[in-house]
Amino acid sequence: MRQLWIFRVSGGEPFQLQVKGNPIMKYDGEPNAILRTLCTRAEAMNLEAEIAAKGCVVEASCPDESSEQKAKRKNIMHVLGGERTFPSIKCPECAWFDPTLDSLCGAGFSTMGDRKGWDDDAMTGVMTNVKYAADFANCPIRDDQMQ
């Protein structure tokens, strides 16, 4: 089962790694960098080995979840079908990402069929924020649905 894994990295060479369906993890060589990704235990162990092979000191951990976090993760896994990935690698970093919704998207964009997002007043309110407006305009899922 996919879970949030955190990697504390220091030393070694800069690198970029990516687990399918996740944003790229970038390490620029700074001490005590924190990288995170949603992956299985096996994928985390492979990442840990790849990072160590770059000469880095790496510590991988999967933090305990609160009951609220566990409920959100279960909803995400239910929506994604267990081991599937997000509709876009941009989803986890998007301002509109909402793990409490079946669509996972406050704007209502979804590849899962359920296109219910936040209510109109909430959407209007957040669109004054630069990040929300940019993420809305640049959503690859939105582009697919507008065609």
N, C-alpha and C. Protein backbone atom coordinates (compact mmCIF):
# COMPACT_ATOMS: atom_id res chain seq x y z
N MET A 1 0.83 -1.17 0.00
CA MET A 1 0.00 0.00 0.00
C MET A 1 0.89 1.25 0.00
N ARG A 2 0.48 2.22 -0.79
CA ARG A 2 1.24 3.47 -0.86
C ARG A 2 0.99 4.31 0.39
N GLN A 3 2.08 4.86 0.94
CA GLN A 3 2.02 5.74 2.10
C GLN A 3 3.03 6.86 1.89
N LEU A 4 2.90 7.90 2.70
CA LEU A 4 3.86 8.99 2.65
C LEU A 4 5.16 8.54 3.28
N TRP A 5 6.25 8.67 2.54
CA TRP A 5 7.59 8.37 3.04
C TRP A 5 8.39 9.66 3.04
N ILE A 6 9.17 9.85 4.09
CA ILE A 6 10.02 11.03 4.23
C ILE A 6 11.46 10.57 4.24
N PHE A 7 12.30 11.27 3.46
CA PHE A 7 13.72 10.95 3.36
C PHE A 7 14.52 12.16 3.83
N ARG A 8 15.32 11.96 4.87
CA ARG A 8 16.25 13.01 5.33
C ARG A 8 17.58 12.71 4.67
N VAL A 9 18.09 13.68 3.90
CA VAL A 9 19.28 13.45 3.07
C VAL A 9 20.33 14.52 3.37
N SER A 10 21.59 14.10 3.41
CA SER A 10 22.69 15.06 3.52
C SER A 10 23.92 14.47 2.83
N GLY A 11 24.83 15.36 2.42
CA GLY A 11 26.06 14.94 1.75
C GLY A 11 25.80 14.37 0.37
N GLY A 12 26.85 13.89 -0.25
CA GLY A 12 26.73 13.24 -1.55
C GLY A 12 26.45 14.19 -2.70
N GLU A 13 26.12 13.59 -3.83
CA GLU A 13 25.88 14.33 -5.07
C GLU A 13 24.42 14.80 -5.18
N PRO A 14 24.21 15.94 -5.83
CA PRO A 14 22.82 16.35 -6.13
C PRO A 14 22.16 15.32 -7.04
N PHE A 15 20.85 15.20 -6.94
CA PHE A 15 20.13 14.24 -7.78
C PHE A 15 18.68 14.66 -7.93
N GLN A 16 18.02 14.00 -8.87
CA GLN A 16 16.57 14.10 -9.06
C GLN A 16 16.05 12.68 -9.25
N LEU A 17 15.05 12.31 -8.47
CA LEU A 17 14.42 11.00 -8.57
C LEU A 17 12.91 11.19 -8.58
N GLN A 18 12.21 10.24 -9.17
CA GLN A 18 10.76 10.34 -9.21
C GLN A 18 10.13 8.95 -9.12
N VAL A 19 9.13 8.86 -8.26
CA VAL A 19 8.28 7.67 -8.20
C VAL A 19 7.08 7.98 -9.07
N LYS A 20 6.68 7.04 -9.90
CA LYS A 20 5.57 7.25 -10.83
C LYS A 20 4.37 7.88 -10.13
N GLY A 21 3.84 8.94 -10.74
CA GLY A 21 2.66 9.61 -10.22
C GLY A 21 2.95 10.63 -9.14
N ASN A 22 4.21 10.88 -8.84
CA ASN A 22 4.62 11.83 -7.81
C ASN A 22 5.47 12.93 -8.43
N PRO A 23 5.52 14.09 -7.77
CA PRO A 23 6.44 15.13 -8.24
C PRO A 23 7.89 14.65 -8.13
N ILE A 24 8.77 15.25 -8.89
CA ILE A 24 10.20 14.92 -8.85
C ILE A 24 10.78 15.34 -7.50
N MET A 25 11.56 14.45 -6.91
CA MET A 25 12.29 14.77 -5.67
C MET A 25 13.66 15.31 -6.10
N LYS A 26 13.94 16.56 -5.73
CA LYS A 26 15.19 17.21 -6.12
C LYS A 26 16.05 17.43 -4.88
N TYR A 27 17.31 17.07 -4.99
CA TYR A 27 18.28 17.29 -3.92
C TYR A 27 19.45 18.05 -4.50
N ASP A 28 19.75 19.22 -3.93
CA ASP A 28 20.81 20.07 -4.48
C ASP A 28 22.12 20.00 -3.70
N GLY A 29 22.22 19.06 -2.77
CA GLY A 29 23.46 18.88 -2.02
C GLY A 29 23.50 19.61 -0.69
N GLU A 30 22.45 20.36 -0.38
CA GLU A 30 22.39 21.08 0.90
C GLU A 30 22.28 20.08 2.06
N PRO A 31 22.85 20.40 3.22
CA PRO A 31 22.74 19.47 4.35
C PRO A 31 21.31 19.44 4.90
N ASN A 32 20.94 18.27 5.38
CA ASN A 32 19.65 18.07 6.05
C ASN A 32 18.44 18.42 5.21
N ALA A 33 18.42 17.98 3.97
CA ALA A 33 17.27 18.17 3.09
C ALA A 33 16.19 17.15 3.47
N ILE A 34 14.93 17.55 3.32
CA ILE A 34 13.80 16.67 3.56
C ILE A 34 13.06 16.49 2.24
N LEU A 35 12.95 15.25 1.80
CA LEU A 35 12.23 14.92 0.57
C LEU A 35 11.09 13.99 0.94
N ARG A 36 9.99 14.06 0.19
CA ARG A 36 8.87 13.17 0.50
C ARG A 36 8.20 12.69 -0.78
N THR A 37 7.60 11.51 -0.68
CA THR A 37 6.89 10.93 -1.80
C THR A 37 5.88 9.92 -1.30
N LEU A 38 4.89 9.65 -2.11
CA LEU A 38 3.87 8.64 -1.80
C LEU A 38 4.29 7.37 -2.53
N CYS A 39 4.62 6.32 -1.76
CA CYS A 39 5.11 5.10 -2.38
C CYS A 39 4.90 3.90 -1.47
N THR A 40 5.18 2.73 -2.02
CA THR A 40 5.12 1.50 -1.23
C THR A 40 6.41 1.35 -0.44
N ARG A 41 6.41 0.43 0.51
CA ARG A 41 7.63 0.16 1.29
C ARG A 41 8.77 -0.28 0.37
N ALA A 42 8.47 -1.15 -0.60
CA ALA A 42 9.50 -1.63 -1.52
C ALA A 42 10.08 -0.47 -2.33
N GLU A 43 9.21 0.43 -2.83
CA GLU A 43 9.70 1.59 -3.58
C GLU A 43 10.56 2.48 -2.69
N ALA A 44 10.17 2.64 -1.42
CA ALA A 44 10.95 3.46 -0.49
C ALA A 44 12.33 2.87 -0.26
N MET A 45 12.40 1.55 -0.12
CA MET A 45 13.69 0.90 0.09
C MET A 45 14.59 1.05 -1.14
N ASN A 46 13.98 0.96 -2.34
CA ASN A 46 14.75 1.16 -3.58
C ASN A 46 15.26 2.60 -3.67
N LEU A 47 14.40 3.56 -3.31
CA LEU A 47 14.82 4.96 -3.32
C LEU A 47 15.96 5.19 -2.34
N GLU A 48 15.83 4.62 -1.15
CA GLU A 48 16.88 4.77 -0.14
C GLU A 48 18.21 4.25 -0.67
N ALA A 49 18.20 3.11 -1.35
CA ALA A 49 19.42 2.54 -1.92
C ALA A 49 19.97 3.43 -3.04
N GLU A 50 19.09 3.95 -3.90
CA GLU A 50 19.53 4.84 -4.98
C GLU A 50 20.17 6.11 -4.42
N ILE A 51 19.57 6.67 -3.38
CA ILE A 51 20.11 7.89 -2.78
C ILE A 51 21.45 7.61 -2.13
N ALA A 52 21.56 6.50 -1.42
CA ALA A 52 22.82 6.13 -0.79
C ALA A 52 23.91 5.89 -1.83
N ALA A 53 23.54 5.36 -3.00
CA ALA A 53 24.50 5.12 -4.07
C ALA A 53 25.08 6.43 -4.62
N LYS A 54 24.40 7.54 -4.37
CA LYS A 54 24.91 8.86 -4.79
C LYS A 54 25.87 9.43 -3.75
N GLY A 55 26.20 8.62 -2.73
CA GLY A 55 27.13 9.06 -1.70
C GLY A 55 26.47 9.84 -0.58
N CYS A 56 25.16 9.83 -0.54
CA CYS A 56 24.41 10.59 0.47
C CYS A 56 24.18 9.75 1.72
N VAL A 57 24.06 10.44 2.83
CA VAL A 57 23.58 9.81 4.05
C VAL A 57 22.07 10.00 4.01
N VAL A 58 21.33 8.90 4.11
CA VAL A 58 19.87 8.97 3.95
C VAL A 58 19.19 8.19 5.07
N GLU A 59 18.11 8.77 5.57
CA GLU A 59 17.28 8.11 6.57
C GLU A 59 15.84 8.16 6.06
N ALA A 60 15.24 7.01 5.82
CA ALA A 60 13.86 6.93 5.33
C ALA A 60 12.93 6.58 6.48
N SER A 61 11.77 7.24 6.51
CA SER A 61 10.79 6.92 7.54
C SER A 61 9.38 7.11 7.00
N CYS A 62 8.47 6.38 7.58
CA CYS A 62 7.05 6.49 7.25
C CYS A 62 6.36 6.88 8.56
N PRO A 63 6.05 8.17 8.73
CA PRO A 63 5.54 8.64 10.02
C PRO A 63 4.16 8.06 10.36
N ASP A 64 3.91 7.98 11.66
CA ASP A 64 2.59 7.53 12.12
C ASP A 64 1.53 8.53 11.69
N GLU A 65 0.36 8.02 11.41
CA GLU A 65 -0.74 8.86 10.96
C GLU A 65 -1.73 9.07 12.09
N SER A 66 -2.32 10.27 12.13
CA SER A 66 -3.44 10.49 13.02
C SER A 66 -4.66 9.81 12.40
N SER A 67 -5.74 9.67 13.15
CA SER A 67 -6.94 9.04 12.61
C SER A 67 -7.49 9.87 11.44
N GLU A 68 -7.37 11.19 11.51
CA GLU A 68 -7.83 12.05 10.41
C GLU A 68 -6.98 11.83 9.16
N GLN A 69 -5.67 11.75 9.33
CA GLN A 69 -4.78 11.51 8.19
C GLN A 69 -5.05 10.14 7.58
N LYS A 70 -5.29 9.15 8.42
CA LYS A 70 -5.57 7.80 7.93
C LYS A 70 -6.86 7.78 7.11
N ALA A 71 -7.89 8.51 7.57
CA ALA A 71 -9.15 8.58 6.83
C ALA A 71 -8.95 9.24 5.47
N LYS A 72 -8.13 10.31 5.43
CA LYS A 72 -7.86 10.99 4.16
C LYS A 72 -7.09 10.08 3.22
N ARG A 73 -6.08 9.37 3.75
CA ARG A 73 -5.30 8.46 2.91
C ARG A 73 -6.18 7.35 2.36
N LYS A 74 -7.06 6.79 3.20
CA LYS A 74 -7.96 5.74 2.74
C LYS A 74 -8.88 6.25 1.64
N ASN A 75 -9.35 7.50 1.77
CA ASN A 75 -10.20 8.06 0.71
C ASN A 75 -9.40 8.19 -0.58
N ILE A 76 -8.17 8.68 -0.49
CA ILE A 76 -7.34 8.82 -1.69
C ILE A 76 -7.12 7.46 -2.34
N MET A 77 -6.78 6.46 -1.53
CA MET A 77 -6.53 5.13 -2.07
C MET A 77 -7.81 4.54 -2.67
N HIS A 78 -8.96 4.80 -2.05
CA HIS A 78 -10.24 4.32 -2.59
C HIS A 78 -10.50 4.97 -3.95
N VAL A 79 -10.31 6.29 -4.02
CA VAL A 79 -10.54 7.01 -5.28
C VAL A 79 -9.56 6.55 -6.35
N LEU A 80 -8.30 6.35 -5.97
CA LEU A 80 -7.27 5.96 -6.94
C LEU A 80 -7.28 4.47 -7.23
N GLY A 81 -8.05 3.70 -6.51
CA GLY A 81 -8.11 2.26 -6.78
C GLY A 81 -6.97 1.49 -6.17
N GLY A 82 -6.50 1.88 -5.01
CA GLY A 82 -5.47 1.13 -4.30
C GLY A 82 -4.08 1.54 -4.68
N GLU A 83 -3.52 0.97 -5.71
CA GLU A 83 -2.13 1.23 -6.08
C GLU A 83 -1.98 2.15 -7.29
N ARG A 84 -3.09 2.67 -7.80
CA ARG A 84 -2.99 3.58 -8.95
C ARG A 84 -2.33 4.88 -8.53
N THR A 85 -1.98 5.67 -9.51
CA THR A 85 -1.32 6.95 -9.24
C THR A 85 -2.30 8.09 -9.41
N PHE A 86 -1.88 9.30 -9.03
CA PHE A 86 -2.71 10.48 -9.20
C PHE A 86 -2.95 10.73 -10.69
N PRO A 87 -4.06 11.40 -11.03
CA PRO A 87 -4.33 11.70 -12.45
C PRO A 87 -3.20 12.49 -13.11
N SER A 88 -2.50 13.31 -12.33
CA SER A 88 -1.38 14.09 -12.84
C SER A 88 -0.33 14.19 -11.74
N ILE A 89 0.94 14.30 -12.12
CA ILE A 89 1.98 14.46 -11.10
C ILE A 89 1.85 15.80 -10.40
N LYS A 90 1.09 16.73 -10.97
CA LYS A 90 0.88 18.04 -10.35
C LYS A 90 -0.14 18.00 -9.21
N CYS A 91 -0.99 16.98 -9.17
CA CYS A 91 -2.09 16.93 -8.19
C CYS A 91 -1.64 17.11 -6.73
N PRO A 92 -0.64 16.36 -6.23
CA PRO A 92 -0.30 16.49 -4.81
C PRO A 92 0.21 17.88 -4.41
N GLU A 93 0.75 18.65 -5.34
CA GLU A 93 1.26 19.98 -5.04
C GLU A 93 0.27 21.09 -5.36
N CYS A 94 -0.88 20.73 -5.90
CA CYS A 94 -1.87 21.71 -6.35
C CYS A 94 -2.63 22.30 -5.17
N ALA A 95 -2.90 23.60 -5.23
CA ALA A 95 -3.67 24.28 -4.19
C ALA A 95 -5.09 23.72 -4.08
N TRP A 96 -5.59 23.17 -5.16
CA TRP A 96 -6.96 22.65 -5.20
C TRP A 96 -7.06 21.22 -4.69
N PHE A 97 -5.93 20.55 -4.46
CA PHE A 97 -5.94 19.16 -4.00
C PHE A 97 -6.65 19.08 -2.65
N ASP A 98 -7.64 18.20 -2.56
CA ASP A 98 -8.43 18.06 -1.34
C ASP A 98 -8.73 16.58 -1.11
N PRO A 99 -7.98 15.93 -0.21
CA PRO A 99 -8.16 14.50 0.00
C PRO A 99 -9.49 14.12 0.65
N THR A 100 -10.29 15.10 1.07
CA THR A 100 -11.59 14.78 1.66
C THR A 100 -12.67 14.61 0.61
N LEU A 101 -12.38 14.99 -0.65
CA LEU A 101 -13.36 14.86 -1.73
C LEU A 101 -13.13 13.60 -2.53
N ASP A 102 -14.21 13.00 -3.02
CA ASP A 102 -14.07 11.81 -3.86
C ASP A 102 -13.32 12.13 -5.15
N SER A 103 -13.46 13.36 -5.65
CA SER A 103 -12.75 13.76 -6.87
C SER A 103 -11.30 14.12 -6.60
N LEU A 104 -10.95 14.34 -5.33
CA LEU A 104 -9.64 14.81 -4.86
C LEU A 104 -9.35 16.24 -5.30
N CYS A 105 -10.32 16.92 -5.91
CA CYS A 105 -10.07 18.24 -6.50
C CYS A 105 -11.16 19.23 -6.10
N GLY A 106 -10.75 20.30 -5.41
CA GLY A 106 -11.69 21.34 -5.02
C GLY A 106 -12.30 22.06 -6.20
N ALA A 107 -11.59 22.08 -7.33
CA ALA A 107 -12.12 22.73 -8.54
C ALA A 107 -13.07 21.81 -9.29
N GLY A 108 -13.13 20.54 -8.89
CA GLY A 108 -14.05 19.60 -9.52
C GLY A 108 -13.51 18.90 -10.75
N PHE A 109 -12.20 19.02 -11.01
CA PHE A 109 -11.61 18.33 -12.14
C PHE A 109 -11.26 16.91 -11.70
N SER A 110 -11.60 15.93 -12.51
CA SER A 110 -11.37 14.55 -12.11
C SER A 110 -11.36 13.64 -13.32
N THR A 111 -10.57 12.60 -13.24
CA THR A 111 -10.61 11.55 -14.25
C THR A 111 -11.41 10.37 -13.74
N MET A 112 -11.97 10.49 -12.52
CA MET A 112 -12.66 9.39 -11.87
C MET A 112 -14.18 9.41 -12.09
N GLY A 113 -14.71 10.39 -12.75
CA GLY A 113 -16.16 10.45 -12.96
C GLY A 113 -16.85 11.41 -12.03
N ASP A 114 -16.50 11.43 -10.73
CA ASP A 114 -17.12 12.35 -9.78
C ASP A 114 -16.45 13.71 -9.92
N ARG A 115 -17.18 14.69 -10.41
CA ARG A 115 -16.58 15.99 -10.67
C ARG A 115 -17.09 17.05 -9.70
N LYS A 116 -17.45 16.63 -8.50
CA LYS A 116 -17.94 17.57 -7.50
C LYS A 116 -16.75 18.21 -6.79
N GLY A 117 -16.71 19.52 -6.77
CA GLY A 117 -15.66 20.26 -6.08
C GLY A 117 -16.26 21.06 -4.94
N TRP A 118 -15.57 22.15 -4.59
CA TRP A 118 -16.04 23.02 -3.53
C TRP A 118 -17.24 23.83 -4.03
N ASP A 119 -17.98 24.43 -3.09
CA ASP A 119 -19.13 25.25 -3.50
C ASP A 119 -18.64 26.53 -4.18
N ASP A 120 -19.53 27.17 -4.93
CA ASP A 120 -19.17 28.33 -5.75
C ASP A 120 -18.58 29.48 -4.94
N ASP A 121 -19.11 29.74 -3.76
CA ASP A 121 -18.59 30.84 -2.93
C ASP A 121 -17.13 30.58 -2.52
N ALA A 122 -16.84 29.35 -2.14
CA ALA A 122 -15.47 29.00 -1.75
C ALA A 122 -14.52 29.15 -2.94
N MET A 123 -14.96 28.68 -4.12
CA MET A 123 -14.11 28.78 -5.31
C MET A 123 -13.85 30.23 -5.68
N THR A 124 -14.88 31.06 -5.63
CA THR A 124 -14.71 32.48 -5.95
C THR A 124 -13.75 33.14 -4.97
N GLY A 125 -13.88 32.80 -3.70
CA GLY A 125 -13.01 33.39 -2.68
C GLY A 125 -11.54 33.05 -2.86
N VAL A 126 -11.23 31.79 -3.17
CA VAL A 126 -9.83 31.40 -3.29
C VAL A 126 -9.20 31.83 -4.61
N MET A 127 -10.01 32.12 -5.61
CA MET A 127 -9.46 32.52 -6.91
C MET A 127 -8.75 33.87 -6.85
N THR A 128 -8.89 34.61 -5.75
CA THR A 128 -8.14 35.86 -5.59
C THR A 128 -6.69 35.58 -5.20
N ASN A 129 -6.41 34.34 -4.79
CA ASN A 129 -5.06 33.94 -4.43
C ASN A 129 -4.30 33.54 -5.69
N VAL A 130 -3.09 34.03 -5.84
CA VAL A 130 -2.29 33.80 -7.05
C VAL A 130 -2.05 32.31 -7.30
N LYS A 131 -1.71 31.54 -6.26
CA LYS A 131 -1.43 30.11 -6.44
C LYS A 131 -2.68 29.37 -6.90
N TYR A 132 -3.84 29.64 -6.28
CA TYR A 132 -5.07 28.97 -6.70
C TYR A 132 -5.38 29.29 -8.17
N ALA A 133 -5.28 30.58 -8.53
CA ALA A 133 -5.59 30.98 -9.90
C ALA A 133 -4.63 30.32 -10.89
N ALA A 134 -3.33 30.29 -10.55
CA ALA A 134 -2.33 29.68 -11.45
C ALA A 134 -2.55 28.18 -11.58
N ASP A 135 -2.79 27.50 -10.45
CA ASP A 135 -3.01 26.06 -10.50
C ASP A 135 -4.27 25.72 -11.29
N PHE A 136 -5.32 26.54 -11.15
CA PHE A 136 -6.56 26.34 -11.90
C PHE A 136 -6.29 26.47 -13.40
N ALA A 137 -5.58 27.54 -13.79
CA ALA A 137 -5.30 27.81 -15.20
C ALA A 137 -4.37 26.76 -15.82
N ASN A 138 -3.46 26.20 -15.02
CA ASN A 138 -2.45 25.28 -15.55
C ASN A 138 -2.75 23.81 -15.30
N CYS A 139 -3.96 23.48 -14.88
CA CYS A 139 -4.32 22.10 -14.56
C CYS A 139 -4.37 21.24 -15.83
N PRO A 140 -3.55 20.19 -15.91
CA PRO A 140 -3.59 19.31 -17.08
C PRO A 140 -4.88 18.51 -17.17
N ILE A 141 -5.53 18.23 -16.05
CA ILE A 141 -6.80 17.51 -16.05
C ILE A 141 -7.89 18.42 -16.61
N ARG A 142 -7.86 19.67 -16.24
CA ARG A 142 -8.81 20.67 -16.76
C ARG A 142 -8.68 20.75 -18.26
N ASP A 143 -7.46 20.78 -18.75
CA ASP A 143 -7.22 20.86 -20.21
C ASP A 143 -7.85 19.66 -20.92
N ASP A 144 -7.70 18.46 -20.33
CA ASP A 144 -8.28 17.25 -20.93
C ASP A 144 -9.80 17.34 -20.98
N GLN A 145 -10.42 17.95 -19.96
CA GLN A 145 -11.86 18.01 -19.90
C GLN A 145 -12.45 19.14 -20.72
N MET A 146 -11.63 20.13 -21.12
CA MET A 146 -12.11 21.25 -21.89
C MET A 146 -12.13 20.95 -23.39
N GLN A 147 -11.50 19.85 -23.79
CA GLN A 147 -11.41 19.53 -25.22
C GLN A 147 -12.68 18.91 -25.73
